[in-house]
C-alpha atoms as a PDB file:
ATOM      1  CA  MET A   1      19.001  77.421 306.897  1.00  0.00           C
ATOM      2  CA  LYS A   2      18.839  78.885 303.382  1.00  0.00           C
ATOM      3  CA  GLU A   3      22.347  80.259 303.920  1.00  0.00           C
ATOM      4  CA  THR A   4      23.599  76.732 304.635  1.00  0.00           C
ATOM      5  CA  ILE A   5      21.993  75.336 301.500  1.00  0.00           C
ATOM      6  CA  ILE A   6      23.264  78.140 299.313  1.00  0.00           C
ATOM      7  CA  ALA A   7      26.772  77.899 300.787  1.00  0.00           C
ATOM      8  CA  ALA A   8      26.842  74.157 300.173  1.00  0.00           C
ATOM      9  CA  LEU A   9      25.695  74.588 296.591  1.00  0.00           C
ATOM     10  CA  LEU A  10      28.364  77.191 295.892  1.00  0.00           C
ATOM     11  CA  LEU A  11      31.065  74.703 296.835  1.00  0.00           C
ATOM     12  CA  PRO A  12      32.123  72.070 294.354  1.00  0.00           C
ATOM     13  CA  ALA A  13      29.867  69.047 294.874  1.00  0.00           C
ATOM     14  CA  ALA A  14      32.679  66.935 296.349  1.00  0.00           C
ATOM     15  CA  GLU A  15      33.479  69.594 298.991  1.00  0.00           C
ATOM     16  CA  ALA A  16      29.822  69.984 299.970  1.00  0.00           C
ATOM     17  CA  GLY A  17      29.445  66.212 300.242  1.00  0.00           C
ATOM     18  CA  LEU A  18      26.893  66.146 297.409  1.00  0.00           C
ATOM     19  CA  THR A  19      26.785  63.116 295.149  1.00  0.00           C
ATOM     20  CA  TRP A  20      24.074  63.926 292.621  1.00  0.00           C
ATOM     21  CA  GLN A  21      22.208  60.834 291.389  1.00  0.00           C
ATOM     22  CA  ASP A  22      19.805  60.430 288.468  1.00  0.00           C
ATOM     23  CA  CYS A  23      16.245  60.727 289.749  1.00  0.00           C
ATOM     24  CA  GLY A  24      14.364  60.703 286.451  1.00  0.00           C
ATOM     25  CA  ASP A  25      13.038  63.305 284.031  1.00  0.00           C
ATOM     26  CA  GLY A  26      16.538  64.691 283.444  1.00  0.00           C
ATOM     27  CA  LEU A  27      16.976  65.686 287.098  1.00  0.00           C
ATOM     28  CA  ARG A  28      19.829  64.850 289.462  1.00  0.00           C
ATOM     29  CA  CYS A  29      18.961  64.572 293.171  1.00  0.00           C
ATOM     30  CA  ASP A  30      20.667  64.435 296.546  1.00  0.00           C
ATOM     31  CA  ARG A  31      20.027  65.339 300.170  1.00  0.00           C
ATOM     32  CA  ILE A  32      21.812  67.814 302.415  1.00  0.00           C
ATOM     33  CA  THR A  33      21.830  67.795 306.210  1.00  0.00           C
ATOM     34  CA  VAL A  34      21.356  71.207 307.828  1.00  0.00           C
ATOM     35  CA  PRO A  35      20.513  72.517 311.296  1.00  0.00           C
ATOM     36  CA  ALA A  36      16.769  72.520 312.022  1.00  0.00           C
ATOM     37  CA  ASP A  37      17.338  75.874 313.754  1.00  0.00           C
ATOM     38  CA  TRP A  38      20.166  77.992 312.370  1.00  0.00           C
ATOM     39  CA  ALA A  39      20.342  79.821 315.734  1.00  0.00           C
ATOM     40  CA  ALA A  40      21.334  76.474 317.292  1.00  0.00           C
ATOM     41  CA  PRO A  41      23.646  74.901 314.677  1.00  0.00           C
ATOM     42  CA  GLY A  42      24.791  72.195 317.102  1.00  0.00           C
ATOM     43  CA  GLY A  43      21.218  71.062 317.781  1.00  0.00           C
ATOM     44  CA  GLU A  44      18.787  68.936 315.834  1.00  0.00           C
ATOM     45  CA  ARG A  45      19.618  68.399 312.167  1.00  0.00           C
ATOM     46  CA  ILE A  46      17.285  67.645 309.294  1.00  0.00           C
ATOM     47  CA  SER A  47      17.785  66.334 305.781  1.00  0.00           C
ATOM     48  CA  LEU A  48      16.456  68.390 302.857  1.00  0.00           C
ATOM     49  CA  GLY A  49      15.928  67.047 299.360  1.00  0.00           C
ATOM     50  CA  LEU A  50      17.645  68.816 296.465  1.00  0.00           C
ATOM     51  CA  ALA A  51      17.076  68.496 292.725  1.00  0.00           C
ATOM     52  CA  ARG A  52      19.291  69.871 289.989  1.00  0.00           C
ATOM     53  CA  LEU A  53      18.317  70.464 286.380  1.00  0.00           C
ATOM     54  CA  PRO A  54      21.808  70.434 284.827  1.00  0.00           C
ATOM     55  CA  ALA A  55      23.055  72.982 282.337  1.00  0.00           C
ATOM     56  CA  ARG A  56      22.616  71.591 278.827  1.00  0.00           C
ATOM     57  CA  ASP A  57      26.271  72.037 277.842  1.00  0.00           C
ATOM     58  CA  PRO A  58      28.898  71.666 280.586  1.00  0.00           C
ATOM     59  CA  ALA A  59      31.411  73.539 278.390  1.00  0.00           C
ATOM     60  CA  THR A  60      29.315  76.736 278.523  1.00  0.00           C
ATOM     61  CA  ARG A  61      28.067  76.312 282.113  1.00  0.00           C
ATOM     62  CA  LYS A  62      28.634  79.471 284.179  1.00  0.00           C
ATOM     63  CA  GLY A  63      27.322  78.359 287.564  1.00  0.00           C
ATOM     64  CA  THR A  64      24.297  77.357 289.609  1.00  0.00           C
ATOM     65  CA  LEU A  65      21.033  79.174 290.309  1.00  0.00           C
ATOM     66  CA  VAL A  66      19.136  78.174 293.461  1.00  0.00           C
ATOM     67  CA  VAL A  67      15.430  78.756 292.863  1.00  0.00           C
ATOM     68  CA  ASN A  68      12.440  78.744 295.210  1.00  0.00           C
ATOM     69  CA  LEU A  69       9.384  78.019 293.075  1.00  0.00           C
ATOM     70  CA  GLY A  70       7.020  79.216 295.810  1.00  0.00           C
ATOM     71  CA  GLY A  71       5.376  77.287 298.479  1.00  0.00           C
ATOM     72  CA  PRO A  72       5.017  75.581 300.677  1.00  0.00           C
ATOM     73  CA  ALA A  73       5.025  73.100 297.874  1.00  0.00           C
ATOM     74  CA  PRO A  74       6.910  69.984 296.779  1.00  0.00           C
ATOM     75  CA  GLN A  75       9.608  71.880 294.856  1.00  0.00           C
ATOM     76  CA  ILE A  76      11.133  68.808 293.205  1.00  0.00           C
ATOM     77  CA  SER A  77       7.782  67.650 291.825  1.00  0.00           C
ATOM     78  CA  ILE A  78       7.050  71.145 290.531  1.00  0.00           C
ATOM     79  CA  LEU A  79      10.458  71.350 288.833  1.00  0.00           C
ATOM     80  CA  ARG A  80       9.644  68.120 286.980  1.00  0.00           C
ATOM     81  CA  GLN A  81       6.477  69.765 285.621  1.00  0.00           C
ATOM     82  CA  VAL A  82       7.928  73.174 284.684  1.00  0.00           C
ATOM     83  CA  GLN A  83      11.474  72.390 283.594  1.00  0.00           C
ATOM     84  CA  ALA A  84      10.790  73.681 280.060  1.00  0.00           C
ATOM     85  CA  THR A  85      10.330  77.111 281.668  1.00  0.00           C
ATOM     86  CA  PHE A  86      14.040  77.059 282.499  1.00  0.00           C
ATOM     87  CA  ALA A  87      15.225  76.172 278.966  1.00  0.00           C
ATOM     88  CA  ASP A  88      16.935  79.529 278.411  1.00  0.00           C
ATOM     89  CA  LEU A  89      18.630  79.472 281.827  1.00  0.00           C
ATOM     90  CA  THR A  90      19.913  75.916 281.456  1.00  0.00           C
ATOM     91  CA  ARG A  91      21.894  77.114 278.495  1.00  0.00           C
ATOM     92  CA  TRP A  92      24.376  78.517 281.034  1.00  0.00           C
ATOM     93  CA  PHE A  93      23.312  77.416 284.511  1.00  0.00           C
ATOM     94  CA  ASP A  94      22.369  74.415 286.610  1.00  0.00           C
ATOM     95  CA  VAL A  95      18.981  75.142 288.240  1.00  0.00           C
ATOM     96  CA  VAL A  96      18.622  73.758 291.771  1.00  0.00           C
ATOM     97  CA  VAL A  97      15.536  73.585 294.006  1.00  0.00           C
ATOM     98  CA  PHE A  98      15.166  72.316 297.552  1.00  0.00           C
ATOM     99  CA  ASP A  99      12.225  71.017 299.560  1.00  0.00           C
ATOM    100  CA  PRO A 100      11.451  73.928 301.916  1.00  0.00           C
ATOM    101  CA  CYS A 101      11.435  73.194 305.616  1.00  0.00           C
ATOM    102  CA  GLY A 102      11.881  69.459 305.213  1.00  0.00           C
ATOM    103  CA  ARG A 103       8.391  69.159 303.727  1.00  0.00           C
ATOM    104  CA  ARG A 104       8.954  65.674 302.321  1.00  0.00           C
ATOM    105  CA  ARG A 105       9.751  64.472 305.825  1.00  0.00           C
ATOM    106  CA  GLY A 106       6.273  65.496 306.983  1.00  0.00           C
ATOM    107  CA  ARG A 107       7.422  68.300 309.262  1.00  0.00           C
ATOM    108  CA  ARG A 108       8.054  71.988 309.147  1.00  0.00           C
ATOM    109  CA  CYS A 109      11.458  72.731 310.590  1.00  0.00           C
ATOM    110  CA  CYS A 110      10.823  76.470 310.419  1.00  0.00           C
ATOM    111  CA  THR A 111       8.024  76.344 312.991  1.00  0.00           C
ATOM    112  CA  GLY A 112       8.444  72.942 314.592  1.00  0.00           C
ATOM    113  CA  ARG A 113       4.839  72.079 313.656  1.00  0.00           C
ATOM    114  CA  THR A 114       3.934  69.158 311.456  1.00  0.00           C
ATOM    115  CA  TRP A 115       2.006  69.466 308.234  1.00  0.00           C
ATOM    116  CA  SER A 116      -1.637  68.506 308.535  1.00  0.00           C
END
């Protein structure tokens, strides 16, 4: 699954089907649909939330860093709280996080078990 997310983020947003929208606190958000089980890519699909902290100056932007802030945790909420930590990186990069295992949907796609 992580490979799918990373591959989609490496493509230009239009090719990956991403249409980043303002979601407050300087973040841009979207959702990406990925297989629930990468071993069965034609099976069940889930939607994962993404948040991007854009590079401060598009003219000097070099690319995108996909970051896992640790978890399981609501990555997007954490990014809102710690975005100052990424001040040096956002000089050159967009910083993107994703909700691991579809957490915001109340289920864990990695194990098939729901969160308690």
